[in-house]
Amino acid sequence: MRMKLPRRVHACAVVTALVVFANGRADSAEGVWKFEIDDRDHPILTYLEDGKAVFLMACGRAFGLHARYPGTPKKKGKATITLTSATAKMTFAGEFQEPWGGGATTFLQWDLGYRRQDPALYGKAWNAEKRRLLDLLGAGPITVSAEGRKYEIPAAAIPDWKAAFEKCGE
């Protein structure tokens, strides 16, 4: 029997995986992209600046998207961010989260906005949305914006990260 873990436990596992399971890395002048596969074969893509997670995407029991909120962060409540590259623009509705594990992230969205009980979760439309996000992250630079404020991160230029995330939800 498989035990269902609370999302906070999953988040802690992601942070632990960031520290322990390094498989790929791409440095830029501002920070570093890291790609890891955790001990359960789940992919984790992170962009770090000054040792803090500015952007994190992970797929396991849920598809998690974490980012440093460019506007004025709050401890809780609803939040929206927009990711833009030269070829795409996507807006994500999520919530504020307190930074954890040395991270600078303050925005969180689970499962690309789908509810856990939604039968369309991991379906055709969900997978199309996931592929759009993967393409956007690979086409950088990526502008993260909210409340009229923004910051930029480079494209995720690490071999094979995209293929690992293509398997998420399938």
C-alpha atoms as a PDB file:
ATOM      1  CA  MET A   1       0.000   0.000   0.000  1.00  0.00           C
ATOM      2  CA  ARG A   2       1.379   3.410  -0.964  1.00  0.00           C
ATOM      3  CA  MET A   3       1.037   6.191   1.590  1.00  0.00           C
ATOM      4  CA  LYS A   4      -0.088   9.621   0.354  1.00  0.00           C
ATOM      5  CA  LEU A   5       2.220  12.331   1.712  1.00  0.00           C
ATOM      6  CA  PRO A   6       1.178  15.918   2.462  1.00  0.00           C
ATOM      7  CA  ARG A   7       2.419  18.525  -0.024  1.00  0.00           C
ATOM      8  CA  ARG A   8       4.752  20.088   2.568  1.00  0.00           C
ATOM      9  CA  VAL A   9       6.493  16.729   2.921  1.00  0.00           C
ATOM     10  CA  HIS A  10       6.799  16.592  -0.885  1.00  0.00           C
ATOM     11  CA  ALA A  11       8.298  20.109  -0.860  1.00  0.00           C
ATOM     12  CA  CYS A  12      10.843  19.035   1.746  1.00  0.00           C
ATOM     13  CA  ALA A  13      11.729  16.032  -0.407  1.00  0.00           C
ATOM     14  CA  VAL A  14      12.264  18.349  -3.369  1.00  0.00           C
ATOM     15  CA  VAL A  15      14.595  20.554  -1.317  1.00  0.00           C
ATOM     16  CA  THR A  16      16.514  17.485  -0.143  1.00  0.00           C
ATOM     17  CA  ALA A  17      16.781  16.282  -3.717  1.00  0.00           C
ATOM     18  CA  LEU A  18      18.200  19.638  -4.737  1.00  0.00           C
ATOM     19  CA  VAL A  19      21.069  19.132  -2.367  1.00  0.00           C
ATOM     20  CA  VAL A  20      21.740  15.440  -2.951  1.00  0.00           C
ATOM     21  CA  PHE A  21      20.981  14.424  -6.548  1.00  0.00           C
ATOM     22  CA  ALA A  22      22.927  16.684  -8.946  1.00  0.00           C
ATOM     23  CA  ASN A  23      22.952  15.383 -12.533  1.00  0.00           C
ATOM     24  CA  GLY A  24      23.179  18.483 -14.715  1.00  0.00           C
ATOM     25  CA  ARG A  25      24.280  22.073 -14.417  1.00  0.00           C
ATOM     26  CA  ALA A  26      24.426  25.150 -16.665  1.00  0.00           C
ATOM     27  CA  ASP A  27      26.037  28.329 -15.306  1.00  0.00           C
ATOM     28  CA  SER A  28      25.261  31.883 -16.401  1.00  0.00           C
ATOM     29  CA  ALA A  29      26.694  35.199 -15.228  1.00  0.00           C
ATOM     30  CA  GLU A  30      23.741  35.680 -12.865  1.00  0.00           C
ATOM     31  CA  GLY A  31      23.137  32.162 -11.590  1.00  0.00           C
ATOM     32  CA  VAL A  32      23.057  28.473 -12.353  1.00  0.00           C
ATOM     33  CA  TRP A  33      20.509  26.038 -13.756  1.00  0.00           C
ATOM     34  CA  LYS A  34      20.513  22.582 -12.154  1.00  0.00           C
ATOM     35  CA  PHE A  35      18.762  19.461 -13.321  1.00  0.00           C
ATOM     36  CA  GLU A  36      18.367  16.540 -10.922  1.00  0.00           C
ATOM     37  CA  ILE A  37      16.596  13.223 -10.848  1.00  0.00           C
ATOM     38  CA  ASP A  38      15.567  12.302  -7.304  1.00  0.00           C
ATOM     39  CA  ASP A  39      15.683   8.831  -5.760  1.00  0.00           C
ATOM     40  CA  ARG A  40      12.164   8.093  -7.097  1.00  0.00           C
ATOM     41  CA  ASP A  41      13.118   8.998 -10.686  1.00  0.00           C
ATOM     42  CA  HIS A  42      11.321  12.365 -10.526  1.00  0.00           C
ATOM     43  CA  PRO A  43      12.861  15.294 -12.465  1.00  0.00           C
ATOM     44  CA  ILE A  44      13.675  18.617 -10.783  1.00  0.00           C
ATOM     45  CA  LEU A  45      14.790  21.724 -12.648  1.00  0.00           C
ATOM     46  CA  THR A  46      16.070  24.658 -10.577  1.00  0.00           C
ATOM     47  CA  TYR A  47      17.538  28.071 -11.283  1.00  0.00           C
ATOM     48  CA  LEU A  48      19.679  29.313  -8.367  1.00  0.00           C
ATOM     49  CA  GLU A  49      21.073  32.786  -7.653  1.00  0.00           C
ATOM     50  CA  ASP A  50      23.383  33.260  -4.698  1.00  0.00           C
ATOM     51  CA  GLY A  51      22.546  29.721  -3.585  1.00  0.00           C
ATOM     52  CA  LYS A  52      18.783  30.420  -3.440  1.00  0.00           C
ATOM     53  CA  ALA A  53      16.147  28.785  -5.624  1.00  0.00           C
ATOM     54  CA  VAL A  54      14.684  31.538  -7.790  1.00  0.00           C
ATOM     55  CA  PHE A  55      12.747  29.097  -9.983  1.00  0.00           C
ATOM     56  CA  LEU A  56      11.965  25.428  -9.405  1.00  0.00           C
ATOM     57  CA  MET A  57       9.889  22.967 -11.381  1.00  0.00           C
ATOM     58  CA  ALA A  58       9.450  19.390 -10.194  1.00  0.00           C
ATOM     59  CA  CYS A  59       7.287  16.469 -11.184  1.00  0.00           C
ATOM     60  CA  GLY A  60       6.440  13.611  -8.868  1.00  0.00           C
ATOM     61  CA  ARG A  61       3.096  12.909  -7.233  1.00  0.00           C
ATOM     62  CA  ALA A  62       2.252  16.451  -8.360  1.00  0.00           C
ATOM     63  CA  PHE A  63       3.688  18.918 -10.875  1.00  0.00           C
ATOM     64  CA  GLY A  64       5.074  21.813  -8.833  1.00  0.00           C
ATOM     65  CA  LEU A  65       6.043  25.238 -10.105  1.00  0.00           C
ATOM     66  CA  HIS A  66       7.825  27.539  -7.635  1.00  0.00           C
ATOM     67  CA  ALA A  67       9.225  30.993  -8.435  1.00  0.00           C
ATOM     68  CA  ARG A  68      10.502  34.110  -6.710  1.00  0.00           C
ATOM     69  CA  TYR A  69       7.572  36.524  -6.843  1.00  0.00           C
ATOM     70  CA  PRO A  70       8.688  39.740  -8.586  1.00  0.00           C
ATOM     71  CA  GLY A  71       6.077  41.935  -6.918  1.00  0.00           C
ATOM     72  CA  THR A  72       5.547  42.452  -3.206  1.00  0.00           C
ATOM     73  CA  PRO A  73       5.387  38.949  -1.697  1.00  0.00           C
ATOM     74  CA  LYS A  74       2.914  38.018   1.010  1.00  0.00           C
ATOM     75  CA  LYS A  75       2.938  35.099   3.418  1.00  0.00           C
ATOM     76  CA  LYS A  76      -0.287  33.613   2.009  1.00  0.00           C
ATOM     77  CA  GLY A  77      -3.086  34.252  -0.438  1.00  0.00           C
ATOM     78  CA  LYS A  78      -3.589  34.073  -4.189  1.00  0.00           C
ATOM     79  CA  ALA A  79      -0.834  35.145  -6.584  1.00  0.00           C
ATOM     80  CA  THR A  80      -0.338  35.287 -10.350  1.00  0.00           C
ATOM     81  CA  ILE A  81       2.886  35.393 -12.359  1.00  0.00           C
ATOM     82  CA  THR A  82       3.572  35.600 -16.081  1.00  0.00           C
ATOM     83  CA  LEU A  83       6.491  33.887 -17.828  1.00  0.00           C
ATOM     84  CA  THR A  84       7.502  35.335 -21.178  1.00  0.00           C
ATOM     85  CA  SER A  85      10.141  34.291 -23.705  1.00  0.00           C
ATOM     86  CA  ALA A  86      10.795  35.446 -27.264  1.00  0.00           C
ATOM     87  CA  THR A  87       8.310  32.855 -28.526  1.00  0.00           C
ATOM     88  CA  ALA A  88       5.657  32.420 -25.809  1.00  0.00           C
ATOM     89  CA  LYS A  89       3.816  33.942 -22.871  1.00  0.00           C
ATOM     90  CA  MET A  90       2.072  32.003 -20.102  1.00  0.00           C
ATOM     91  CA  THR A  91       0.253  33.213 -16.988  1.00  0.00           C
ATOM     92  CA  PHE A  92       0.030  31.039 -13.889  1.00  0.00           C
ATOM     93  CA  ALA A  93      -2.474  31.465 -11.066  1.00  0.00           C
ATOM     94  CA  GLY A  94      -1.209  30.069  -7.784  1.00  0.00           C
ATOM     95  CA  GLU A  95      -0.581  31.148  -4.233  1.00  0.00           C
ATOM     96  CA  PHE A  96       2.036  32.730  -2.065  1.00  0.00           C
ATOM     97  CA  GLN A  97       4.261  30.473  -0.001  1.00  0.00           C
ATOM     98  CA  GLU A  98       6.848  31.317   2.589  1.00  0.00           C
ATOM     99  CA  PRO A  99      10.430  30.727   1.415  1.00  0.00           C
ATOM    100  CA  TRP A 100      11.727  27.311   2.488  1.00  0.00           C
ATOM    101  CA  GLY A 101      15.024  25.482   2.656  1.00  0.00           C
ATOM    102  CA  GLY A 102      17.253  28.394   1.651  1.00  0.00           C
ATOM    103  CA  GLY A 103      14.997  29.230  -1.279  1.00  0.00           C
ATOM    104  CA  ALA A 104      13.889  32.623  -2.450  1.00  0.00           C
ATOM    105  CA  THR A 105      10.638  31.276  -3.884  1.00  0.00           C
ATOM    106  CA  THR A 106       7.392  32.900  -2.830  1.00  0.00           C
ATOM    107  CA  PHE A 107       5.002  31.755  -5.610  1.00  0.00           C
ATOM    108  CA  LEU A 108       3.631  28.228  -5.886  1.00  0.00           C
ATOM    109  CA  GLN A 109       1.326  26.519  -8.326  1.00  0.00           C
ATOM    110  CA  TRP A 110       0.451  22.828  -8.361  1.00  0.00           C
ATOM    111  CA  ASP A 111      -0.454  20.764 -11.431  1.00  0.00           C
ATOM    112  CA  LEU A 112      -0.511  23.708 -13.874  1.00  0.00           C
ATOM    113  CA  GLY A 113      -3.639  25.010 -12.152  1.00  0.00           C
ATOM    114  CA  TYR A 114      -5.693  21.822 -12.464  1.00  0.00           C
ATOM    115  CA  ARG A 115      -7.467  20.515  -9.367  1.00  0.00           C
ATOM    116  CA  ARG A 116      -6.273  17.098  -8.108  1.00  0.00           C
ATOM    117  CA  GLN A 117      -9.771  15.656  -8.608  1.00  0.00           C
ATOM    118  CA  ASP A 118     -10.093  16.996 -12.183  1.00  0.00           C
ATOM    119  CA  PRO A 119     -10.315  14.084 -14.649  1.00  0.00           C
ATOM    120  CA  ALA A 120      -8.496  16.287 -17.204  1.00  0.00           C
ATOM    121  CA  LEU A 121      -5.377  16.390 -14.975  1.00  0.00           C
ATOM    122  CA  TYR A 122      -2.584  14.680 -16.937  1.00  0.00           C
ATOM    123  CA  GLY A 123      -4.873  14.516 -19.978  1.00  0.00           C
ATOM    124  CA  LYS A 124      -4.385  15.819 -23.505  1.00  0.00           C
ATOM    125  CA  ALA A 125      -4.934  19.542 -22.693  1.00  0.00           C
ATOM    126  CA  TRP A 126      -2.766  19.319 -19.567  1.00  0.00           C
ATOM    127  CA  ASN A 127       0.076  17.718 -21.535  1.00  0.00           C
ATOM    128  CA  ALA A 128      -0.193  20.409 -24.217  1.00  0.00           C
ATOM    129  CA  GLU A 129       0.110  23.079 -21.516  1.00  0.00           C
ATOM    130  CA  LYS A 130       3.110  21.258 -20.023  1.00  0.00           C
ATOM    131  CA  ARG A 131       4.828  21.120 -23.434  1.00  0.00           C
ATOM    132  CA  ARG A 132       4.209  24.865 -23.936  1.00  0.00           C
ATOM    133  CA  LEU A 133       5.885  25.543 -20.567  1.00  0.00           C
ATOM    134  CA  LEU A 134       8.860  23.301 -21.393  1.00  0.00           C
ATOM    135  CA  ASP A 135       9.312  25.018 -24.758  1.00  0.00           C
ATOM    136  CA  LEU A 136       9.102  28.445 -23.112  1.00  0.00           C
ATOM    137  CA  LEU A 137      11.781  27.537 -20.546  1.00  0.00           C
ATOM    138  CA  GLY A 138      14.070  26.254 -23.281  1.00  0.00           C
ATOM    139  CA  ALA A 139      13.600  29.342 -25.484  1.00  0.00           C
ATOM    140  CA  GLY A 140      14.729  31.977 -22.946  1.00  0.00           C
ATOM    141  CA  PRO A 141      15.690  34.344 -21.736  1.00  0.00           C
ATOM    142  CA  ILE A 142      12.580  34.139 -19.577  1.00  0.00           C
ATOM    143  CA  THR A 143      10.994  37.194 -18.024  1.00  0.00           C
ATOM    144  CA  VAL A 144       9.055  36.553 -14.808  1.00  0.00           C
ATOM    145  CA  SER A 145       6.583  39.355 -14.094  1.00  0.00           C
ATOM    146  CA  ALA A 146       3.827  40.358 -11.671  1.00  0.00           C
ATOM    147  CA  GLU A 147       2.412  43.642 -10.367  1.00  0.00           C
ATOM    148  CA  GLY A 148       4.373  45.643 -12.958  1.00  0.00           C
ATOM    149  CA  ARG A 149       7.721  44.298 -11.697  1.00  0.00           C
ATOM    150  CA  LYS A 150       9.917  41.713 -13.378  1.00  0.00           C
ATOM    151  CA  TYR A 151      13.209  39.864 -13.459  1.00  0.00           C
ATOM    152  CA  GLU A 152      14.909  37.754 -16.086  1.00  0.00           C
ATOM    153  CA  ILE A 153      16.473  34.305 -16.043  1.00  0.00           C
ATOM    154  CA  PRO A 154      18.330  32.606 -18.915  1.00  0.00           C
ATOM    155  CA  ALA A 155      16.999  29.668 -20.912  1.00  0.00           C
ATOM    156  CA  ALA A 156      17.364  26.267 -19.285  1.00  0.00           C
ATOM    157  CA  ALA A 157      20.321  25.066 -21.363  1.00  0.00           C
ATOM    158  CA  ILE A 158      20.941  21.663 -19.819  1.00  0.00           C
ATOM    159  CA  PRO A 159      20.951  18.494 -21.941  1.00  0.00           C
ATOM    160  CA  ASP A 160      18.048  16.056 -21.528  1.00  0.00           C
ATOM    161  CA  TRP A 161      16.030  17.984 -18.908  1.00  0.00           C
ATOM    162  CA  LYS A 162      13.116  18.449 -21.307  1.00  0.00           C
ATOM    163  CA  ALA A 163      12.853  14.738 -22.149  1.00  0.00           C
ATOM    164  CA  ALA A 164      12.602  13.865 -18.455  1.00  0.00           C
ATOM    165  CA  PHE A 165       9.722  16.320 -17.946  1.00  0.00           C
ATOM    166  CA  GLU A 166       7.930  15.110 -21.092  1.00  0.00           C
ATOM    167  CA  LYS A 167       7.295  11.855 -19.206  1.00  0.00           C
ATOM    168  CA  CYS A 168       5.514  13.680 -16.338  1.00  0.00           C
ATOM    169  CA  GLY A 169       1.857  12.809 -16.143  1.00  0.00           C
ATOM    170  CA  GLU A 170       2.046  10.172 -18.864  1.00  0.00           C
END
